[in-house]
PDB file of N, CA and C in Angstrom:
ATOM      1  N   UNK A   1     -35.519 -12.122 -36.580  1.00  0.00           N
ATOM      2  CA  UNK A   1     -35.007 -10.809 -36.879  1.00  0.00           C
ATOM      3  C   UNK A   1     -34.829  -9.979 -35.608  1.00  0.00           C
ATOM      4  N   UNK A   2     -35.812 -10.029 -34.742  1.00  0.00           N
ATOM      5  CA  UNK A   2     -35.747  -9.234 -33.514  1.00  0.00           C
ATOM      6  C   UNK A   2     -34.567  -9.689 -32.656  1.00  0.00           C
ATOM      7  N   UNK A   3     -34.292 -10.990 -32.646  1.00  0.00           N
ATOM      8  CA  UNK A   3     -33.168 -11.502 -31.861  1.00  0.00           C
ATOM      9  C   UNK A   3     -31.842 -10.991 -32.414  1.00  0.00           C
ATOM     10  N   UNK A   4     -31.702 -10.922 -33.723  1.00  0.00           N
ATOM     11  CA  UNK A   4     -30.468 -10.442 -34.341  1.00  0.00           C
ATOM     12  C   UNK A   4     -30.230  -8.964 -33.995  1.00  0.00           C
ATOM     13  N   UNK A   5     -31.284  -8.181 -33.951  1.00  0.00           N
ATOM     14  CA  UNK A   5     -31.150  -6.766 -33.615  1.00  0.00           C
ATOM     15  C   UNK A   5     -30.717  -6.600 -32.160  1.00  0.00           C
ATOM     16  N   UNK A   6     -31.249  -7.440 -31.284  1.00  0.00           N
ATOM     17  CA  UNK A   6     -30.884  -7.373 -29.868  1.00  0.00           C
ATOM     18  C   UNK A   6     -29.424  -7.762 -29.662  1.00  0.00           C
ATOM     19  N   UNK A   7     -28.957  -8.759 -30.409  1.00  0.00           N
ATOM     20  CA  UNK A   7     -27.572  -9.202 -30.265  1.00  0.00           C
ATOM     21  C   UNK A   7     -26.596  -8.114 -30.698  1.00  0.00           C
ATOM     22  N   UNK A   8     -26.943  -7.329 -31.685  1.00  0.00           N
ATOM     23  CA  UNK A   8     -26.056  -6.263 -32.150  1.00  0.00           C
ATOM     24  C   UNK A   8     -25.959  -5.126 -31.140  1.00  0.00           C
ATOM     25  N   UNK A   9     -26.996  -4.927 -30.340  1.00  0.00           N
ATOM     26  CA  UNK A   9     -26.992  -3.851 -29.358  1.00  0.00           C
ATOM     27  C   UNK A   9     -26.124  -4.178 -28.145  1.00  0.00           C
ATOM     28  N   UNK A  10     -25.945  -5.436 -27.817  1.00  0.00           N
ATOM     29  CA  UNK A  10     -25.217  -5.830 -26.615  1.00  0.00           C
ATOM     30  C   UNK A  10     -23.766  -5.370 -26.595  1.00  0.00           C
ATOM     31  N   UNK A  11     -22.967  -5.543 -27.653  1.00  0.00           N
ATOM     32  CA  UNK A  11     -21.569  -5.094 -27.583  1.00  0.00           C
ATOM     33  C   UNK A  11     -21.428  -3.599 -27.360  1.00  0.00           C
ATOM     34  N   UNK A  12     -22.329  -2.780 -27.902  1.00  0.00           N
ATOM     35  CA  UNK A  12     -22.262  -1.338 -27.698  1.00  0.00           C
ATOM     36  C   UNK A  12     -22.502  -0.972 -26.241  1.00  0.00           C
ATOM     37  N   UNK A  13     -23.400  -1.680 -25.582  1.00  0.00           N
ATOM     38  CA  UNK A  13     -23.708  -1.352 -24.197  1.00  0.00           C
ATOM     39  C   UNK A  13     -22.556  -1.717 -23.274  1.00  0.00           C
ATOM     40  N   UNK A  14     -21.686  -2.610 -23.676  1.00  0.00           N
ATOM     41  CA  UNK A  14     -20.550  -3.008 -22.852  1.00  0.00           C
ATOM     42  C   UNK A  14     -19.389  -2.025 -22.965  1.00  0.00           C
ATOM     43  N   UNK A  15     -19.408  -1.132 -23.947  1.00  0.00           N
ATOM     44  CA  UNK A  15     -18.334  -0.163 -24.135  1.00  0.00           C
ATOM     45  C   UNK A  15     -18.632   1.123 -23.380  1.00  0.00           C
ATOM     46  N   UNK A  16     -18.804   1.024 -22.097  1.00  0.00           N
ATOM     47  CA  UNK A  16     -19.088   2.202 -21.285  1.00  0.00           C
ATOM     48  C   UNK A  16     -17.790   2.947 -20.983  1.00  0.00           C
ATOM     49  N   UNK A  17     -17.870   4.246 -20.914  1.00  0.00           N
ATOM     50  CA  UNK A  17     -16.717   5.064 -20.572  1.00  0.00           C
ATOM     51  C   UNK A  17     -16.523   5.000 -19.066  1.00  0.00           C
ATOM     52  N   UNK A  18     -15.309   4.657 -18.636  1.00  0.00           N
ATOM     53  CA  UNK A  18     -15.077   4.597 -17.194  1.00  0.00           C
ATOM     54  C   UNK A  18     -14.749   5.983 -16.665  1.00  0.00           C
ATOM     55  N   UNK A  19     -15.340   6.317 -15.537  1.00  0.00           N
ATOM     56  CA  UNK A  19     -15.122   7.619 -14.921  1.00  0.00           C
ATOM     57  C   UNK A  19     -14.238   7.491 -13.687  1.00  0.00           C
ATOM     58  N   UNK A  20     -13.765   6.314 -13.407  1.00  0.00           N
ATOM     59  CA  UNK A  20     -12.882   6.085 -12.274  1.00  0.00           C
ATOM     60  C   UNK A  20     -11.442   6.038 -12.784  1.00  0.00           C
ATOM     61  N   UNK A  21     -10.459   6.286 -11.921  1.00  0.00           N
ATOM     62  CA  UNK A  21      -9.069   6.221 -12.362  1.00  0.00           C
ATOM     63  C   UNK A  21      -8.648   4.783 -12.638  1.00  0.00           C
ATOM     64  N   UNK A  22      -7.954   4.591 -13.741  1.00  0.00           N
ATOM     65  CA  UNK A  22      -7.491   3.270 -14.147  1.00  0.00           C
ATOM     66  C   UNK A  22      -5.975   3.328 -14.289  1.00  0.00           C
ATOM     67  N   UNK A  23      -5.265   2.649 -13.396  1.00  0.00           N
ATOM     68  CA  UNK A  23      -3.803   2.669 -13.433  1.00  0.00           C
ATOM     69  C   UNK A  23      -3.325   1.611 -14.416  1.00  0.00           C
ATOM     70  N   UNK A  24      -2.599   2.045 -15.456  1.00  0.00           N
ATOM     71  CA  UNK A  24      -2.030   1.133 -16.457  1.00  0.00           C
ATOM     72  C   UNK A  24      -0.712   0.562 -15.975  1.00  0.00           C
ATOM     73  N   UNK A  25       0.137   1.422 -15.391  1.00  0.00           N
ATOM     74  CA  UNK A  25       1.428   0.956 -14.888  1.00  0.00           C
ATOM     75  C   UNK A  25       1.895   1.879 -13.770  1.00  0.00           C
ATOM     76  N   UNK A  26       2.466   1.288 -12.750  1.00  0.00           N
ATOM     77  CA  UNK A  26       3.050   2.075 -11.672  1.00  0.00           C
ATOM     78  C   UNK A  26       4.068   1.215 -10.934  1.00  0.00           C
ATOM     79  N   UNK A  27       5.187   1.823 -10.564  1.00  0.00           N
ATOM     80  CA  UNK A  27       6.137   1.125  -9.706  1.00  0.00           C
ATOM     81  C   UNK A  27       6.307   1.861  -8.372  1.00  0.00           C
ATOM     82  N   UNK A  28       5.375   2.794  -8.091  1.00  0.00           N
ATOM     83  CA  UNK A  28       5.402   3.536  -6.829  1.00  0.00           C
ATOM     84  C   UNK A  28       4.949   2.635  -5.686  1.00  0.00           C
ATOM     85  N   UNK A  29       5.343   3.010  -4.451  1.00  0.00           N
ATOM     86  CA  UNK A  29       4.800   2.289  -3.303  1.00  0.00           C
ATOM     87  C   UNK A  29       3.323   2.675  -3.144  1.00  0.00           C
ATOM     88  N   UNK A  30       2.597   1.926  -2.359  1.00  0.00           N
ATOM     89  CA  UNK A  30       1.140   2.109  -2.257  1.00  0.00           C
ATOM     90  C   UNK A  30       0.742   3.510  -1.800  1.00  0.00           C
ATOM     91  N   UNK A  31       1.444   4.029  -0.803  1.00  0.00           N
ATOM     92  CA  UNK A  31       1.086   5.347  -0.262  1.00  0.00           C
ATOM     93  C   UNK A  31       1.290   6.444  -1.307  1.00  0.00           C
ATOM     94  N   UNK A  32       2.431   6.435  -1.970  1.00  0.00           N
ATOM     95  CA  UNK A  32       2.723   7.450  -2.985  1.00  0.00           C
ATOM     96  C   UNK A  32       1.768   7.317  -4.161  1.00  0.00           C
ATOM     97  N   UNK A  33       1.485   6.077  -4.577  1.00  0.00           N
ATOM     98  CA  UNK A  33       0.572   5.852  -5.709  1.00  0.00           C
ATOM     99  C   UNK A  33      -0.819   6.386  -5.400  1.00  0.00           C
ATOM    100  N   UNK A  34      -1.317   6.145  -4.203  1.00  0.00           N
ATOM    101  CA  UNK A  34      -2.646   6.621  -3.816  1.00  0.00           C
ATOM    102  C   UNK A  34      -2.693   8.150  -3.806  1.00  0.00           C
ATOM    103  N   UNK A  35      -1.675   8.789  -3.223  1.00  0.00           N
ATOM    104  CA  UNK A  35      -1.642  10.256  -3.202  1.00  0.00           C
ATOM    105  C   UNK A  35      -1.554  10.834  -4.607  1.00  0.00           C
ATOM    106  N   UNK A  36      -0.701  10.235  -5.443  1.00  0.00           N
ATOM    107  CA  UNK A  36      -0.530  10.726  -6.815  1.00  0.00           C
ATOM    108  C   UNK A  36      -1.809  10.549  -7.623  1.00  0.00           C
ATOM    109  N   UNK A  37      -2.466   9.406  -7.462  1.00  0.00           N
ATOM    110  CA  UNK A  37      -3.698   9.142  -8.188  1.00  0.00           C
ATOM    111  C   UNK A  37      -4.788  10.138  -7.788  1.00  0.00           C
ATOM    112  N   UNK A  38      -4.933  10.386  -6.495  1.00  0.00           N
ATOM    113  CA  UNK A  38      -5.928  11.346  -6.021  1.00  0.00           C
ATOM    114  C   UNK A  38      -5.615  12.758  -6.527  1.00  0.00           C
ATOM    115  N   UNK A  39      -4.348  13.114  -6.548  1.00  0.00           N
ATOM    116  CA  UNK A  39      -3.935  14.417  -7.062  1.00  0.00           C
ATOM    117  C   UNK A  39      -4.267  14.549  -8.547  1.00  0.00           C
ATOM    118  N   UNK A  40      -4.002  13.506  -9.325  1.00  0.00           N
ATOM    119  CA  UNK A  40      -4.292  13.536 -10.761  1.00  0.00           C
ATOM    120  C   UNK A  40      -5.785  13.685 -11.022  1.00  0.00           C
ATOM    121  N   UNK A  41      -6.599  12.952 -10.277  1.00  0.00           N
ATOM    122  CA  UNK A  41      -8.057  13.041 -10.434  1.00  0.00           C
ATOM    123  C   UNK A  41      -8.531  14.454 -10.086  1.00  0.00           C
ATOM    124  N   UNK A  42      -8.036  15.002  -8.978  1.00  0.00           N
ATOM    125  CA  UNK A  42      -8.418  16.351  -8.567  1.00  0.00           C
ATOM    126  C   UNK A  42      -8.039  17.379  -9.626  1.00  0.00           C
ATOM    127  N   UNK A  43      -6.816  17.292 -10.135  1.00  0.00           N
ATOM    128  CA  UNK A  43      -6.342  18.254 -11.136  1.00  0.00           C
ATOM    129  C   UNK A  43      -7.159  18.156 -12.421  1.00  0.00           C
ATOM    130  N   UNK A  44      -7.445  16.924 -12.868  1.00  0.00           N
ATOM    131  CA  UNK A  44      -8.193  16.753 -14.118  1.00  0.00           C
ATOM    132  C   UNK A  44      -9.646  17.199 -13.981  1.00  0.00           C
ATOM    133  N   UNK A  45     -10.229  17.041 -12.794  1.00  0.00           N
ATOM    134  CA  UNK A  45     -11.592  17.524 -12.576  1.00  0.00           C
ATOM    135  C   UNK A  45     -11.628  19.045 -12.450  1.00  0.00           C
ATOM    136  N   UNK A  46     -10.641  19.614 -11.774  1.00  0.00           N
ATOM    137  CA  UNK A  46     -10.598  21.060 -11.564  1.00  0.00           C
ATOM    138  C   UNK A  46     -10.314  21.809 -12.864  1.00  0.00           C
ATOM    139  N   UNK A  47      -9.401  21.272 -13.676  1.00  0.00           N
ATOM    140  CA  UNK A  47      -9.009  21.917 -14.928  1.00  0.00           C
ATOM    141  C   UNK A  47      -9.375  21.031 -16.121  1.00  0.00           C
ATOM    142  N   UNK A  48     -10.635  20.644 -16.195  1.00  0.00           N
ATOM    143  CA  UNK A  48     -11.073  19.706 -17.239  1.00  0.00           C
ATOM    144  C   UNK A  48     -10.933  20.272 -18.644  1.00  0.00           C
ATOM    145  N   UNK A  49     -10.906  21.588 -18.779  1.00  0.00           N
ATOM    146  CA  UNK A  49     -10.800  22.178 -20.116  1.00  0.00           C
ATOM    147  C   UNK A  49      -9.378  22.629 -20.452  1.00  0.00           C
ATOM    148  N   UNK A  50      -8.437  22.460 -19.528  1.00  0.00           N
ATOM    149  CA  UNK A  50      -7.064  22.913 -19.765  1.00  0.00           C
ATOM    150  C   UNK A  50      -6.064  21.881 -19.237  1.00  0.00           C
ATOM    151  N   UNK A  51      -5.587  21.013 -20.111  1.00  0.00           N
ATOM    152  CA  UNK A  51      -4.662  19.948 -19.716  1.00  0.00           C
ATOM    153  C   UNK A  51      -3.323  20.493 -19.232  1.00  0.00           C
ATOM    154  N   UNK A  52      -2.877  21.587 -19.826  1.00  0.00           N
ATOM    155  CA  UNK A  52      -1.581  22.161 -19.439  1.00  0.00           C
ATOM    156  C   UNK A  52      -1.601  22.630 -17.983  1.00  0.00           C
ATOM    157  N   UNK A  53      -2.684  23.276 -17.572  1.00  0.00           N
ATOM    158  CA  UNK A  53      -2.809  23.745 -16.196  1.00  0.00           C
ATOM    159  C   UNK A  53      -2.917  22.570 -15.235  1.00  0.00           C
ATOM    160  N   UNK A  54      -3.628  21.517 -15.636  1.00  0.00           N
ATOM    161  CA  UNK A  54      -3.729  20.312 -14.804  1.00  0.00           C
ATOM    162  C   UNK A  54      -2.352  19.689 -14.610  1.00  0.00           C
ATOM    163  N   UNK A  55      -1.573  19.582 -15.689  1.00  0.00           N
ATOM    164  CA  UNK A  55      -0.224  19.012 -15.600  1.00  0.00           C
ATOM    165  C   UNK A  55       0.669  19.871 -14.706  1.00  0.00           C
ATOM    166  N   UNK A  56       0.553  21.192 -14.815  1.00  0.00           N
ATOM    167  CA  UNK A  56       1.361  22.086 -13.978  1.00  0.00           C
ATOM    168  C   UNK A  56       1.014  21.903 -12.506  1.00  0.00           C
ATOM    169  N   UNK A  57      -0.288  21.784 -12.193  1.00  0.00           N
ATOM    170  CA  UNK A  57      -0.700  21.576 -10.806  1.00  0.00           C
ATOM    171  C   UNK A  57      -0.139  20.258 -10.264  1.00  0.00           C
ATOM    172  N   UNK A  58      -0.216  19.195 -11.063  1.00  0.00           N
ATOM    173  CA  UNK A  58       0.300  17.889 -10.648  1.00  0.00           C
ATOM    174  C   UNK A  58       1.803  17.973 -10.392  1.00  0.00           C
ATOM    175  N   UNK A  59       2.546  18.565 -11.332  1.00  0.00           N
ATOM    176  CA  UNK A  59       3.997  18.673 -11.210  1.00  0.00           C
ATOM    177  C   UNK A  59       4.402  19.456  -9.968  1.00  0.00           C
ATOM    178  N   UNK A  60       3.800  20.637  -9.770  1.00  0.00           N
ATOM    179  CA  UNK A  60       4.177  21.488  -8.644  1.00  0.00           C
ATOM    180  C   UNK A  60       3.847  20.838  -7.303  1.00  0.00           C
ATOM    181  N   UNK A  61       2.704  20.161  -7.225  1.00  0.00           N
ATOM    182  CA  UNK A  61       2.325  19.490  -5.981  1.00  0.00           C
ATOM    183  C   UNK A  61       3.243  18.311  -5.688  1.00  0.00           C
ATOM    184  N   UNK A  62       3.583  17.525  -6.709  1.00  0.00           N
ATOM    185  CA  UNK A  62       4.501  16.390  -6.519  1.00  0.00           C
ATOM    186  C   UNK A  62       5.888  16.887  -6.115  1.00  0.00           C
ATOM    187  N   UNK A  63       6.339  18.005  -6.700  1.00  0.00           N
ATOM    188  CA  UNK A  63       7.631  18.588  -6.319  1.00  0.00           C
ATOM    189  C   UNK A  63       7.647  18.967  -4.836  1.00  0.00           C
ATOM    190  N   UNK A  64       6.555  19.543  -4.349  1.00  0.00           N
ATOM    191  CA  UNK A  64       6.486  19.956  -2.949  1.00  0.00           C
ATOM    192  C   UNK A  64       6.431  18.751  -2.006  1.00  0.00           C
ATOM    193  N   UNK A  65       5.645  17.730  -2.375  1.00  0.00           N
ATOM    194  CA  UNK A  65       5.452  16.582  -1.484  1.00  0.00           C
ATOM    195  C   UNK A  65       6.612  15.596  -1.506  1.00  0.00           C
ATOM    196  N   UNK A  66       7.192  15.351  -2.690  1.00  0.00           N
ATOM    197  CA  UNK A  66       8.153  14.264  -2.834  1.00  0.00           C
ATOM    198  C   UNK A  66       9.506  14.707  -3.384  1.00  0.00           C
ATOM    199  N   UNK A  67       9.808  15.994  -3.346  1.00  0.00           N
ATOM    200  CA  UNK A  67      11.090  16.478  -3.837  1.00  0.00           C
ATOM    201  C   UNK A  67      11.022  16.876  -5.303  1.00  0.00           C
ATOM    202  N   UNK A  68      12.061  17.582  -5.743  1.00  0.00           N
ATOM    203  CA  UNK A  68      12.059  18.180  -7.084  1.00  0.00           C
ATOM    204  C   UNK A  68      12.235  17.157  -8.211  1.00  0.00           C
ATOM    205  N   UNK A  69      12.090  17.666  -9.421  1.00  0.00           N
ATOM    206  CA  UNK A  69      12.321  16.959 -10.694  1.00  0.00           C
ATOM    207  C   UNK A  69      11.191  16.020 -11.113  1.00  0.00           C
ATOM    208  N   UNK A  70       9.962  16.360 -10.767  1.00  0.00           N
ATOM    209  CA  UNK A  70       8.820  15.598 -11.270  1.00  0.00           C
ATOM    210  C   UNK A  70       8.383  16.170 -12.615  1.00  0.00           C
ATOM    211  N   UNK A  71       7.857  15.309 -13.467  1.00  0.00           N
ATOM    212  CA  UNK A  71       7.348  15.695 -14.779  1.00  0.00           C
ATOM    213  C   UNK A  71       5.938  15.141 -14.919  1.00  0.00           C
ATOM    214  N   UNK A  72       5.071  15.848 -15.641  1.00  0.00           N
ATOM    215  CA  UNK A  72       3.686  15.408 -15.809  1.00  0.00           C
ATOM    216  C   UNK A  72       3.210  15.698 -17.226  1.00  0.00           C
ATOM    217  N   UNK A  73       2.498  14.742 -17.784  1.00  0.00           N
ATOM    218  CA  UNK A  73       1.851  14.903 -19.091  1.00  0.00           C
ATOM    219  C   UNK A  73       0.389  14.538 -18.906  1.00  0.00           C
ATOM    220  N   UNK A  74      -0.495  15.393 -19.369  1.00  0.00           N
ATOM    221  CA  UNK A  74      -1.934  15.143 -19.332  1.00  0.00           C
ATOM    222  C   UNK A  74      -2.458  15.367 -20.745  1.00  0.00           C
ATOM    223  N   UNK A  75      -3.127  14.368 -21.316  1.00  0.00           N
ATOM    224  CA  UNK A  75      -3.658  14.543 -22.659  1.00  0.00           C
ATOM    225  C   UNK A  75      -4.211  13.262 -23.250  1.00  0.00           C
ATOM    226  N   UNK A  76      -4.493  13.333 -24.533  1.00  0.00           N
ATOM    227  CA  UNK A  76      -5.054  12.201 -25.272  1.00  0.00           C
ATOM    228  C   UNK A  76      -4.176  11.905 -26.477  1.00  0.00           C
ATOM    229  N   UNK A  77      -4.028  10.644 -26.806  1.00  0.00           N
ATOM    230  CA  UNK A  77      -3.393  10.235 -28.047  1.00  0.00           C
ATOM    231  C   UNK A  77      -1.928  10.592 -28.165  1.00  0.00           C
ATOM    232  N   UNK A  78      -1.126  10.285 -27.167  1.00  0.00           N
ATOM    233  CA  UNK A  78       0.301  10.540 -27.263  1.00  0.00           C
ATOM    234  C   UNK A  78       1.090   9.273 -26.949  1.00  0.00           C
ATOM    235  N   UNK A  79       2.285   9.208 -27.441  1.00  0.00           N
ATOM    236  CA  UNK A  79       3.198   8.112 -27.136  1.00  0.00           C
ATOM    237  C   UNK A  79       4.371   8.667 -26.348  1.00  0.00           C
ATOM    238  N   UNK A  80       5.130   7.797 -25.719  1.00  0.00           N
ATOM    239  CA  UNK A  80       6.248   8.278 -24.921  1.00  0.00           C
ATOM    240  C   UNK A  80       7.292   7.180 -24.753  1.00  0.00           C
ATOM    241  N   UNK A  81       8.502   7.635 -24.515  1.00  0.00           N
ATOM    242  CA  UNK A  81       9.604   6.785 -24.092  1.00  0.00           C
ATOM    243  C   UNK A  81      10.412   7.637 -23.134  1.00  0.00           C
ATOM    244  N   UNK A  82      10.502   7.214 -21.885  1.00  0.00           N
ATOM    245  CA  UNK A  82      11.113   8.053 -20.856  1.00  0.00           C
ATOM    246  C   UNK A  82      12.166   7.284 -20.068  1.00  0.00           C
ATOM    247  N   UNK A  83      13.005   8.030 -19.381  1.00  0.00           N
ATOM    248  CA  UNK A  83      13.915   7.493 -18.378  1.00  0.00           C
ATOM    249  C   UNK A  83      13.448   8.066 -17.046  1.00  0.00           C
ATOM    250  N   UNK A  84      13.300   7.194 -16.052  1.00  0.00           N
ATOM    251  CA  UNK A  84      12.781   7.655 -14.766  1.00  0.00           C
ATOM    252  C   UNK A  84      13.513   6.976 -13.627  1.00  0.00           C
ATOM    253  N   UNK A  85      13.398   7.567 -12.448  1.00  0.00           N
ATOM    254  CA  UNK A  85      13.940   6.952 -11.252  1.00  0.00           C
ATOM    255  C   UNK A  85      13.045   5.780 -10.860  1.00  0.00           C
ATOM    256  N   UNK A  86      13.669   4.711 -10.362  1.00  0.00           N
ATOM    257  CA  UNK A  86      12.918   3.534  -9.936  1.00  0.00           C
ATOM    258  C   UNK A  86      11.972   3.925  -8.797  1.00  0.00           C
ATOM    259  N   UNK A  87      10.788   3.358  -8.798  1.00  0.00           N
ATOM    260  CA  UNK A  87       9.740   3.603  -7.798  1.00  0.00           C
ATOM    261  C   UNK A  87       9.150   5.011  -7.876  1.00  0.00           C
ATOM    262  N   UNK A  88       9.211   5.635  -9.051  1.00  0.00           N
ATOM    263  CA  UNK A  88       8.701   7.002  -9.206  1.00  0.00           C
ATOM    264  C   UNK A  88       7.986   7.184 -10.544  1.00  0.00           C
ATOM    265  N   UNK A  89       7.113   6.255 -10.905  1.00  0.00           N
ATOM    266  CA  UNK A  89       6.411   6.316 -12.185  1.00  0.00           C
ATOM    267  C   UNK A  89       4.949   5.954 -11.997  1.00  0.00           C
ATOM    268  N   UNK A  90       4.063   6.725 -12.631  1.00  0.00           N
ATOM    269  CA  UNK A  90       2.630   6.417 -12.640  1.00  0.00           C
ATOM    270  C   UNK A  90       2.076   6.759 -14.015  1.00  0.00           C
ATOM    271  N   UNK A  91       1.414   5.784 -14.623  1.00  0.00           N
ATOM    272  CA  UNK A  91       0.744   5.977 -15.910  1.00  0.00           C
ATOM    273  C   UNK A  91      -0.691   5.529 -15.724  1.00  0.00           C
ATOM    274  N   UNK A  92      -1.640   6.436 -15.888  1.00  0.00           N
ATOM    275  CA  UNK A  92      -3.043   6.106 -15.612  1.00  0.00           C
ATOM    276  C   UNK A  92      -3.967   6.801 -16.608  1.00  0.00           C
ATOM    277  N   UNK A  93      -5.206   6.314 -16.635  1.00  0.00           N
ATOM    278  CA  UNK A  93      -6.262   6.931 -17.430  1.00  0.00           C
ATOM    279  C   UNK A  93      -7.359   7.405 -16.496  1.00  0.00           C
ATOM    280  N   UNK A  94      -8.053   8.474 -16.924  1.00  0.00           N
ATOM    281  CA  UNK A  94      -9.162   8.996 -16.139  1.00  0.00           C
ATOM    282  C   UNK A  94     -10.195   9.583 -17.089  1.00  0.00           C
ATOM    283  N   UNK A  95     -11.455   9.334 -16.797  1.00  0.00           N
ATOM    284  CA  UNK A  95     -12.535   9.905 -17.611  1.00  0.00           C
ATOM    285  C   UNK A  95     -12.569   9.374 -19.028  1.00  0.00           C
ATOM    286  N   UNK A  96     -12.236   8.124 -19.210  1.00  0.00           N
ATOM    287  CA  UNK A  96     -12.293   7.520 -20.541  1.00  0.00           C
ATOM    288  C   UNK A  96     -10.951   7.500 -21.231  1.00  0.00           C
ATOM    289  N   UNK A  97     -10.639   8.526 -22.013  1.00  0.00           N
ATOM    290  CA  UNK A  97      -9.417   8.489 -22.805  1.00  0.00           C
ATOM    291  C   UNK A  97      -8.393   9.545 -22.397  1.00  0.00           C
ATOM    292  N   UNK A  98      -8.536  10.143 -21.227  1.00  0.00           N
ATOM    293  CA  UNK A  98      -7.562  11.113 -20.734  1.00  0.00           C
ATOM    294  C   UNK A  98      -6.433  10.360 -20.037  1.00  0.00           C
ATOM    295  N   UNK A  99      -5.223  10.467 -20.586  1.00  0.00           N
ATOM    296  CA  UNK A  99      -4.077   9.777 -20.007  1.00  0.00           C
ATOM    297  C   UNK A  99      -3.244  10.752 -19.186  1.00  0.00           C
ATOM    298  N   UNK A 100      -2.742  10.257 -18.049  1.00  0.00           N
ATOM    299  CA  UNK A 100      -1.891  11.046 -17.183  1.00  0.00           C
ATOM    300  C   UNK A 100      -0.615  10.244 -16.922  1.00  0.00           C
ATOM    301  N   UNK A 101       0.514  10.872 -17.168  1.00  0.00           N
ATOM    302  CA  UNK A 101       1.805  10.234 -16.971  1.00  0.00           C
ATOM    303  C   UNK A 101       2.615  11.130 -16.039  1.00  0.00           C
ATOM    304  N   UNK A 102       3.061  10.597 -14.909  1.00  0.00           N
ATOM    305  CA  UNK A 102       3.937  11.370 -14.023  1.00  0.00           C
ATOM    306  C   UNK A 102       5.135  10.509 -13.663  1.00  0.00           C
ATOM    307  N   UNK A 103       6.299  11.149 -13.642  1.00  0.00           N
ATOM    308  CA  UNK A 103       7.521  10.439 -13.287  1.00  0.00           C
ATOM    309  C   UNK A 103       8.551  11.415 -12.738  1.00  0.00           C
ATOM    310  N   UNK A 104       9.512  10.851 -12.024  1.00  0.00           N
ATOM    311  CA  UNK A 104      10.589  11.661 -11.461  1.00  0.00           C
ATOM    312  C   UNK A 104      11.878  11.312 -12.187  1.00  0.00           C
ATOM    313  N   UNK A 105      12.625  12.337 -12.561  1.00  0.00           N
ATOM    314  CA  UNK A 105      13.884  12.154 -13.257  1.00  0.00           C
ATOM    315  C   UNK A 105      14.817  13.274 -12.830  1.00  0.00           C
ATOM    316  N   UNK A 106      15.906  12.917 -12.160  1.00  0.00           N
ATOM    317  CA  UNK A 106      16.804  13.979 -11.687  1.00  0.00           C
ATOM    318  C   UNK A 106      18.002  14.157 -12.596  1.00  0.00           C
TER     319      UNK A 106
END
């Protein structure tokens, strides 16, 4: 009996929430991806209670660094279908289930 109880506890312990950024998809070059990822983490930590403000910070900073027409979505439980410029897309997760999507579309 004790062994059965221990076996049931193991799968729960493996479902830890990741606090590091997890990139699901990106076609950016390495330098741009690293800068964008760091910016997303900073924005989500700074504005953890307001996704709209975090998205605005990401968009405005990307516009200044890499030219206009960047878009950003920060949130949980959303779907998307977008058109974007090649080499200008990042889809990542941070803090468990917080998804961040940034892309450029002119």
